[in-house]
Amino acid sequence: MAVIRTVTIAPGDNTGWHYHPARVQAVLLAGTLTRVLEDSTVEVTLPGESLVELPEQVHIGYNLGAEPVVILATYQEVDGCPLSVPAPRPALDLPDELMARLGLGPVLVRGAAPTPVRSALGAVGAVGTVGTVGGLAGPAECQRSA
């Protein structure tokens, strides 16, 4: 079964590092979304463009613009799992200038505590403006493969 949610990220906010147990398909309705994937890929999505988030792909979404980012997302569900699972910040290989703009600093260590930034998800497991994203990580079958 699929769950459809509208996700809003205020200017200067981010989603926090997370992954989804199943595929997510989305279209950007407003704003400019900047996503950083765990392999250091940076993707910028503009209004009207679509994006796909693969299962267990750790990522973070930023709103670096002046207007809210609004995403219409279709989440595929995995029984007993939340739609989104918080994840540690991965080690990244990005230019220092971009790292600073994203509030990540020039040096990261896998699993290190994140730099304090405002997050659209709020505290781990919280709902915030993102809509229902589930609680903490959930059952073992919801955990990311090693």
C-alpha atoms as a PDB file:
ATOM      1  CA  MET A   1       0.000   0.000   0.000  1.00  0.00           C
ATOM      2  CA  ALA A   2       1.115   3.569  -0.593  1.00  0.00           C
ATOM      3  CA  VAL A   3       0.882   6.635   1.641  1.00  0.00           C
ATOM      4  CA  ILE A   4       0.735  10.104   0.095  1.00  0.00           C
ATOM      5  CA  ARG A   5       2.022  13.054   2.125  1.00  0.00           C
ATOM      6  CA  THR A   6       2.743  16.709   1.560  1.00  0.00           C
ATOM      7  CA  VAL A   7       6.153  17.560   3.002  1.00  0.00           C
ATOM      8  CA  THR A   8       6.977  21.202   3.753  1.00  0.00           C
ATOM      9  CA  ILE A   9      10.499  22.366   4.578  1.00  0.00           C
ATOM     10  CA  ALA A  10      10.758  25.977   5.751  1.00  0.00           C
ATOM     11  CA  PRO A  11      13.570  28.220   4.488  1.00  0.00           C
ATOM     12  CA  GLY A  12      16.803  27.296   6.288  1.00  0.00           C
ATOM     13  CA  ASP A  13      15.442  23.957   7.514  1.00  0.00           C
ATOM     14  CA  ASN A  14      16.361  20.400   6.574  1.00  0.00           C
ATOM     15  CA  THR A  15      14.890  16.928   6.929  1.00  0.00           C
ATOM     16  CA  GLY A  16      17.707  15.501   9.037  1.00  0.00           C
ATOM     17  CA  TRP A  17      19.661  12.466   7.850  1.00  0.00           C
ATOM     18  CA  HIS A  18      17.298   9.565   7.240  1.00  0.00           C
ATOM     19  CA  TYR A  19      16.326   6.747   4.909  1.00  0.00           C
ATOM     20  CA  HIS A  20      13.109   5.066   3.845  1.00  0.00           C
ATOM     21  CA  PRO A  21      12.527   1.307   4.172  1.00  0.00           C
ATOM     22  CA  ALA A  22      10.797   1.346   0.761  1.00  0.00           C
ATOM     23  CA  ARG A  23      10.801   3.431  -2.437  1.00  0.00           C
ATOM     24  CA  VAL A  24       9.558   7.034  -2.374  1.00  0.00           C
ATOM     25  CA  GLN A  25       8.428   8.888  -5.501  1.00  0.00           C
ATOM     26  CA  ALA A  26       7.838  12.622  -5.274  1.00  0.00           C
ATOM     27  CA  VAL A  27       7.248  15.798  -7.218  1.00  0.00           C
ATOM     28  CA  LEU A  28       8.393  19.219  -6.065  1.00  0.00           C
ATOM     29  CA  LEU A  29       5.481  21.653  -5.948  1.00  0.00           C
ATOM     30  CA  ALA A  30       7.342  24.769  -4.734  1.00  0.00           C
ATOM     31  CA  GLY A  31      10.792  25.993  -3.726  1.00  0.00           C
ATOM     32  CA  THR A  32      14.161  24.463  -4.543  1.00  0.00           C
ATOM     33  CA  LEU A  33      15.163  21.216  -2.817  1.00  0.00           C
ATOM     34  CA  THR A  34      18.845  20.399  -2.371  1.00  0.00           C
ATOM     35  CA  ARG A  35      19.494  16.782  -1.401  1.00  0.00           C
ATOM     36  CA  VAL A  36      22.792  15.253  -0.347  1.00  0.00           C
ATOM     37  CA  LEU A  37      23.052  11.471  -0.705  1.00  0.00           C
ATOM     38  CA  GLU A  38      25.344   9.258   1.343  1.00  0.00           C
ATOM     39  CA  ASP A  39      27.713   8.839  -1.636  1.00  0.00           C
ATOM     40  CA  SER A  40      28.259  12.655  -1.662  1.00  0.00           C
ATOM     41  CA  THR A  41      25.995  13.173  -4.667  1.00  0.00           C
ATOM     42  CA  VAL A  42      24.220  16.545  -4.512  1.00  0.00           C
ATOM     43  CA  GLU A  43      20.895  16.766  -6.340  1.00  0.00           C
ATOM     44  CA  VAL A  44      18.907  19.974  -6.869  1.00  0.00           C
ATOM     45  CA  THR A  45      15.215  19.611  -7.689  1.00  0.00           C
ATOM     46  CA  LEU A  46      13.116  22.504  -9.047  1.00  0.00           C
ATOM     47  CA  PRO A  47       9.320  22.964  -9.021  1.00  0.00           C
ATOM     48  CA  GLY A  48       7.591  20.532 -11.374  1.00  0.00           C
ATOM     49  CA  GLU A  49      10.482  18.070 -11.329  1.00  0.00           C
ATOM     50  CA  SER A  50      10.201  14.581  -9.869  1.00  0.00           C
ATOM     51  CA  LEU A  51      12.595  12.566  -7.756  1.00  0.00           C
ATOM     52  CA  VAL A  52      12.922   8.992  -6.533  1.00  0.00           C
ATOM     53  CA  GLU A  53      14.432   7.939  -3.220  1.00  0.00           C
ATOM     54  CA  LEU A  54      15.552   4.328  -3.218  1.00  0.00           C
ATOM     55  CA  PRO A  55      15.032   2.004  -0.241  1.00  0.00           C
ATOM     56  CA  GLU A  56      17.714   2.386   2.452  1.00  0.00           C
ATOM     57  CA  GLN A  57      19.417   5.304   0.626  1.00  0.00           C
ATOM     58  CA  VAL A  58      20.614   7.639   3.404  1.00  0.00           C
ATOM     59  CA  HIS A  59      20.090  11.290   2.511  1.00  0.00           C
ATOM     60  CA  ILE A  60      19.178  14.744   3.778  1.00  0.00           C
ATOM     61  CA  GLY A  61      17.041  17.403   2.118  1.00  0.00           C
ATOM     62  CA  TYR A  62      17.771  21.120   2.513  1.00  0.00           C
ATOM     63  CA  ASN A  63      15.815  24.238   1.763  1.00  0.00           C
ATOM     64  CA  LEU A  64      18.559  26.759   1.051  1.00  0.00           C
ATOM     65  CA  GLY A  65      16.102  29.193  -0.547  1.00  0.00           C
ATOM     66  CA  ALA A  66      13.827  31.974   0.681  1.00  0.00           C
ATOM     67  CA  GLU A  67      10.464  30.244   0.116  1.00  0.00           C
ATOM     68  CA  PRO A  68       9.096  26.989   1.560  1.00  0.00           C
ATOM     69  CA  VAL A  69       9.892  23.740  -0.223  1.00  0.00           C
ATOM     70  CA  VAL A  70       6.689  21.770  -0.795  1.00  0.00           C
ATOM     71  CA  ILE A  71       6.947  18.139  -1.883  1.00  0.00           C
ATOM     72  CA  LEU A  72       4.119  15.754  -2.782  1.00  0.00           C
ATOM     73  CA  ALA A  73       5.541  12.339  -1.841  1.00  0.00           C
ATOM     74  CA  THR A  74       4.226   8.813  -2.347  1.00  0.00           C
ATOM     75  CA  TYR A  75       5.768   6.400   0.167  1.00  0.00           C
ATOM     76  CA  GLN A  76       5.605   2.655  -0.410  1.00  0.00           C
ATOM     77  CA  GLU A  77       4.953   0.994   2.940  1.00  0.00           C
ATOM     78  CA  VAL A  78       6.714  -1.903   4.634  1.00  0.00           C
ATOM     79  CA  ASP A  79       4.450  -3.511   7.243  1.00  0.00           C
ATOM     80  CA  GLY A  80       5.381  -2.456  10.772  1.00  0.00           C
ATOM     81  CA  CYS A  81       7.993   0.088   9.621  1.00  0.00           C
ATOM     82  CA  PRO A  82       7.884   3.873   9.832  1.00  0.00           C
ATOM     83  CA  LEU A  83       7.911   5.794   6.550  1.00  0.00           C
ATOM     84  CA  SER A  84      11.238   7.405   7.475  1.00  0.00           C
ATOM     85  CA  VAL A  85      14.038   6.172   9.744  1.00  0.00           C
ATOM     86  CA  PRO A  86      16.614   8.566  11.292  1.00  0.00           C
ATOM     87  CA  ALA A  87      20.202   7.762  10.270  1.00  0.00           C
ATOM     88  CA  PRO A  88      23.667   8.905  11.342  1.00  0.00           C
ATOM     89  CA  ARG A  89      25.348  11.465   9.148  1.00  0.00           C
ATOM     90  CA  PRO A  90      27.655   9.664   6.687  1.00  0.00           C
ATOM     91  CA  ALA A  91      31.218  10.682   5.854  1.00  0.00           C
ATOM     92  CA  LEU A  92      31.041  12.947   2.810  1.00  0.00           C
ATOM     93  CA  ASP A  93      33.470  14.025   0.127  1.00  0.00           C
ATOM     94  CA  LEU A  94      32.210  17.491  -0.822  1.00  0.00           C
ATOM     95  CA  PRO A  95      33.997  20.808  -1.407  1.00  0.00           C
ATOM     96  CA  ASP A  96      34.586  22.725   1.851  1.00  0.00           C
ATOM     97  CA  GLU A  97      32.536  25.688   0.588  1.00  0.00           C
ATOM     98  CA  LEU A  98      29.459  23.496   0.054  1.00  0.00           C
ATOM     99  CA  MET A  99      29.990  21.688   3.365  1.00  0.00           C
ATOM    100  CA  ALA A 100      30.045  25.061   5.152  1.00  0.00           C
ATOM    101  CA  ARG A 101      26.908  26.279   3.360  1.00  0.00           C
ATOM    102  CA  LEU A 102      25.086  23.100   4.420  1.00  0.00           C
ATOM    103  CA  GLY A 103      26.311  23.539   7.995  1.00  0.00           C
ATOM    104  CA  LEU A 104      28.299  20.308   7.882  1.00  0.00           C
ATOM    105  CA  GLY A 105      31.832  21.594   8.447  1.00  0.00           C
ATOM    106  CA  PRO A 106      34.856  20.468   6.403  1.00  0.00           C
ATOM    107  CA  VAL A 107      35.553  17.133   8.142  1.00  0.00           C
ATOM    108  CA  LEU A 108      32.999  14.428   8.924  1.00  0.00           C
ATOM    109  CA  VAL A 109      33.373  11.035  10.507  1.00  0.00           C
ATOM    110  CA  ARG A 110      30.798   8.319   9.814  1.00  0.00           C
ATOM    111  CA  GLY A 111      28.298   8.260  12.648  1.00  0.00           C
ATOM    112  CA  ALA A 112      29.517  11.534  14.176  1.00  0.00           C
ATOM    113  CA  ALA A 113      26.970  13.736  15.876  1.00  0.00           C
ATOM    114  CA  PRO A 114      25.371  16.170  13.427  1.00  0.00           C
ATOM    115  CA  THR A 115      26.106  19.865  13.473  1.00  0.00           C
ATOM    116  CA  PRO A 116      23.193  21.589  15.239  1.00  0.00           C
ATOM    117  CA  VAL A 117      20.771  22.856  12.596  1.00  0.00           C
ATOM    118  CA  ARG A 118      17.031  23.344  12.502  1.00  0.00           C
ATOM    119  CA  SER A 119      15.268  20.280  11.138  1.00  0.00           C
ATOM    120  CA  ALA A 120      11.849  19.903   9.562  1.00  0.00           C
ATOM    121  CA  LEU A 121      11.616  16.553  11.345  1.00  0.00           C
ATOM    122  CA  GLY A 122      12.298  18.127  14.724  1.00  0.00           C
ATOM    123  CA  ALA A 123      13.646  15.754  17.339  1.00  0.00           C
ATOM    124  CA  VAL A 124      14.346  12.144  16.352  1.00  0.00           C
ATOM    125  CA  GLY A 125      11.020  10.439  15.844  1.00  0.00           C
ATOM    126  CA  ALA A 126       9.038  13.676  15.965  1.00  0.00           C
ATOM    127  CA  VAL A 127       6.514  14.669  13.354  1.00  0.00           C
ATOM    128  CA  GLY A 128       7.268  18.364  12.732  1.00  0.00           C
ATOM    129  CA  THR A 129       6.016  19.832   9.459  1.00  0.00           C
ATOM    130  CA  VAL A 130       6.832  16.709   7.487  1.00  0.00           C
ATOM    131  CA  GLY A 131       3.694  14.779   8.399  1.00  0.00           C
ATOM    132  CA  THR A 132       3.644  11.279   9.795  1.00  0.00           C
ATOM    133  CA  VAL A 133       7.128   9.850   9.466  1.00  0.00           C
ATOM    134  CA  GLY A 134       6.813   7.247  12.179  1.00  0.00           C
ATOM    135  CA  GLY A 135       8.578   6.965  15.480  1.00  0.00           C
ATOM    136  CA  LEU A 136      12.063   5.716  16.157  1.00  0.00           C
ATOM    137  CA  ALA A 137      13.729   3.142  13.957  1.00  0.00           C
ATOM    138  CA  GLY A 138      11.091   0.449  14.548  1.00  0.00           C
ATOM    139  CA  PRO A 139      11.452  -3.337  14.355  1.00  0.00           C
ATOM    140  CA  ALA A 140      14.672  -5.047  13.243  1.00  0.00           C
ATOM    141  CA  GLU A 141      13.206  -5.734   9.791  1.00  0.00           C
ATOM    142  CA  CYS A 142      12.985  -1.945   9.296  1.00  0.00           C
ATOM    143  CA  GLN A 143      16.689  -1.425   9.954  1.00  0.00           C
ATOM    144  CA  ARG A 144      19.046  -0.669   7.110  1.00  0.00           C
ATOM    145  CA  SER A 145      21.094  -3.566   5.717  1.00  0.00           C
ATOM    146  CA  ALA A 146      24.773  -3.536   6.660  1.00  0.00           C
END
